[in-house]
C-alpha atoms as a PDB file:
ATOM      1  CA  MET A   1       7.510  -5.799  -7.340  1.00  0.00           C
ATOM      2  CA  LYS A   2       4.311  -7.772  -7.857  1.00  0.00           C
ATOM      3  CA  ALA A   3       1.808  -7.243  -5.073  1.00  0.00           C
ATOM      4  CA  THR A   4      -1.757  -8.433  -4.615  1.00  0.00           C
ATOM      5  CA  ILE A   5      -4.147  -6.125  -2.801  1.00  0.00           C
ATOM      6  CA  ARG A   6      -6.978  -7.880  -0.972  1.00  0.00           C
ATOM      7  CA  ARG A   7      -9.836  -6.833   1.258  1.00  0.00           C
ATOM      8  CA  ASN A   8     -10.438  -8.978   4.329  1.00  0.00           C
ATOM      9  CA  GLY A   9     -12.587  -8.639   7.446  1.00  0.00           C
ATOM     10  CA  LEU A  10     -10.100  -6.242   9.044  1.00  0.00           C
ATOM     11  CA  GLY A  11      -9.493  -3.976   6.048  1.00  0.00           C
ATOM     12  CA  LEU A  12      -6.908  -4.087   3.274  1.00  0.00           C
ATOM     13  CA  SER A  13      -3.828  -6.266   3.067  1.00  0.00           C
ATOM     14  CA  ILE A  14      -1.082  -6.640   0.493  1.00  0.00           C
ATOM     15  CA  TYR A  15       0.569  -9.939  -0.404  1.00  0.00           C
ATOM     16  CA  ILE A  16       4.077  -9.687  -1.865  1.00  0.00           C
ATOM     17  CA  SER A  17       4.851 -12.889  -3.708  1.00  0.00           C
ATOM     18  CA  ARG A  18       8.605 -12.316  -4.011  1.00  0.00           C
ATOM     19  CA  LYS A  19       8.871 -12.170  -0.214  1.00  0.00           C
ATOM     20  CA  ASP A  20       5.969 -14.579   0.416  1.00  0.00           C
ATOM     21  CA  VAL A  21       4.533 -12.205   3.003  1.00  0.00           C
ATOM     22  CA  GLU A  22       1.121 -10.627   3.556  1.00  0.00           C
ATOM     23  CA  GLU A  23       0.856  -7.439   5.609  1.00  0.00           C
ATOM     24  CA  PRO A  24      -2.062  -5.194   6.577  1.00  0.00           C
ATOM     25  CA  VAL A  25      -2.262  -1.681   5.156  1.00  0.00           C
ATOM     26  CA  VAL A  26      -1.882   0.628   8.175  1.00  0.00           C
ATOM     27  CA  ALA A  27      -1.717   4.067   6.493  1.00  0.00           C
ATOM     28  CA  VAL A  28      -2.460   5.551   3.072  1.00  0.00           C
ATOM     29  CA  GLU A  29      -1.418   8.799   1.421  1.00  0.00           C
ATOM     30  CA  ASN A  30      -4.630   9.168  -0.618  1.00  0.00           C
ATOM     31  CA  GLU A  31      -8.069   8.368   0.757  1.00  0.00           C
ATOM     32  CA  ASP A  32      -8.793   6.335  -2.377  1.00  0.00           C
ATOM     33  CA  MET A  33      -5.379   4.608  -2.067  1.00  0.00           C
ATOM     34  CA  TRP A  34      -4.588   4.600  -5.802  1.00  0.00           C
ATOM     35  CA  GLY A  35      -1.639   6.608  -7.103  1.00  0.00           C
ATOM     36  CA  GLY A  36      -0.157   7.180  -3.671  1.00  0.00           C
ATOM     37  CA  LEU A  37       1.931   5.645  -0.932  1.00  0.00           C
ATOM     38  CA  VAL A  38       0.758   2.940   1.455  1.00  0.00           C
ATOM     39  CA  LEU A  39       2.469   1.854   4.659  1.00  0.00           C
ATOM     40  CA  LEU A  40       2.304  -1.814   5.569  1.00  0.00           C
ATOM     41  CA  GLY A  41       2.313  -3.397   9.014  1.00  0.00           C
ATOM     42  CA  LYS A  42       6.047  -4.077   9.271  1.00  0.00           C
ATOM     43  CA  GLY A  43       7.098  -0.679   7.955  1.00  0.00           C
ATOM     44  CA  LEU A  44       7.333  -1.377   4.224  1.00  0.00           C
ATOM     45  CA  LEU A  45       6.347   1.644   2.151  1.00  0.00           C
ATOM     46  CA  LEU A  46       4.938   1.041  -1.343  1.00  0.00           C
ATOM     47  CA  ALA A  47       3.975   3.402  -4.155  1.00  0.00           C
ATOM     48  CA  LEU A  48       0.844   2.192  -5.937  1.00  0.00           C
ATOM     49  CA  PRO A  49      -0.103   2.937  -9.553  1.00  0.00           C
ATOM     50  CA  ASN A  50      -3.151   4.979 -10.547  1.00  0.00           C
ATOM     51  CA  PHE A  51      -6.399   3.037 -10.975  1.00  0.00           C
ATOM     52  CA  PRO A  52     -10.061   4.110 -11.100  1.00  0.00           C
ATOM     53  CA  LEU A  53     -11.826   4.424  -7.740  1.00  0.00           C
ATOM     54  CA  ASN A  54     -14.190   1.548  -8.531  1.00  0.00           C
ATOM     55  CA  THR A  55     -11.410  -0.985  -9.258  1.00  0.00           C
ATOM     56  CA  SER A  56     -12.436  -4.332  -7.790  1.00  0.00           C
ATOM     57  CA  LEU A  57     -10.225  -6.373  -5.465  1.00  0.00           C
ATOM     58  CA  PRO A  58      -8.300  -8.653  -5.274  1.00  0.00           C
ATOM     59  CA  LEU A  59      -5.931  -7.113  -7.799  1.00  0.00           C
ATOM     60  CA  THR A  60      -2.298  -7.874  -8.652  1.00  0.00           C
ATOM     61  CA  ILE A  61      -0.277  -4.767  -9.435  1.00  0.00           C
ATOM     62  CA  GLU A  62       3.299  -3.626  -9.935  1.00  0.00           C
ATOM     63  CA  ALA A  63       4.173  -1.656  -6.773  1.00  0.00           C
ATOM     64  CA  ARG A  64       7.401   0.223  -6.123  1.00  0.00           C
ATOM     65  CA  LYS A  65       9.215   0.039  -2.826  1.00  0.00           C
ATOM     66  CA  ARG A  66      10.051   3.423  -1.288  1.00  0.00           C
ATOM     67  CA  SER A  67      12.334   4.241   1.598  1.00  0.00           C
ATOM     68  CA  ILE A  68      10.758   5.585   4.746  1.00  0.00           C
ATOM     69  CA  GLY A  69      11.661   9.213   5.303  1.00  0.00           C
ATOM     70  CA  ALA A  70       9.720  12.422   5.750  1.00  0.00           C
ATOM     71  CA  GLU A  71       6.773  11.006   3.766  1.00  0.00           C
ATOM     72  CA  ALA A  72       6.058   8.340   6.389  1.00  0.00           C
ATOM     73  CA  GLY A  73       5.966   9.768   9.842  1.00  0.00           C
ATOM     74  CA  GLY A  74       8.062  12.909   9.682  1.00  0.00           C
ATOM     75  CA  PRO A  75       6.680  16.311  10.633  1.00  0.00           C
ATOM     76  CA  ASN A  76       5.297  16.822   7.112  1.00  0.00           C
ATOM     77  CA  SER A  77       3.826  13.332   6.823  1.00  0.00           C
ATOM     78  CA  THR A  78       1.082  12.870   4.232  1.00  0.00           C
ATOM     79  CA  LEU A  79       0.133   9.337   5.307  1.00  0.00           C
ATOM     80  CA  ARG A  80      -3.107   8.856   7.250  1.00  0.00           C
END
């Protein structure tokens, strides 16, 4: 799904045009965010593509929706 990542005064948010919703990023798998999972405010989990660390925002990407399981809050959680 198409998603636009933006930086605002409170941190990062992701706008999903198909759902016409913008949610804050509340947890990330990788410190640099790229190539990992991100958890949004209402529990949506997205897999982001790899990009260089210095990629400027806002940026529209193709993100993949993932189901929430062990990777997002289970005992072996990798999200921070």
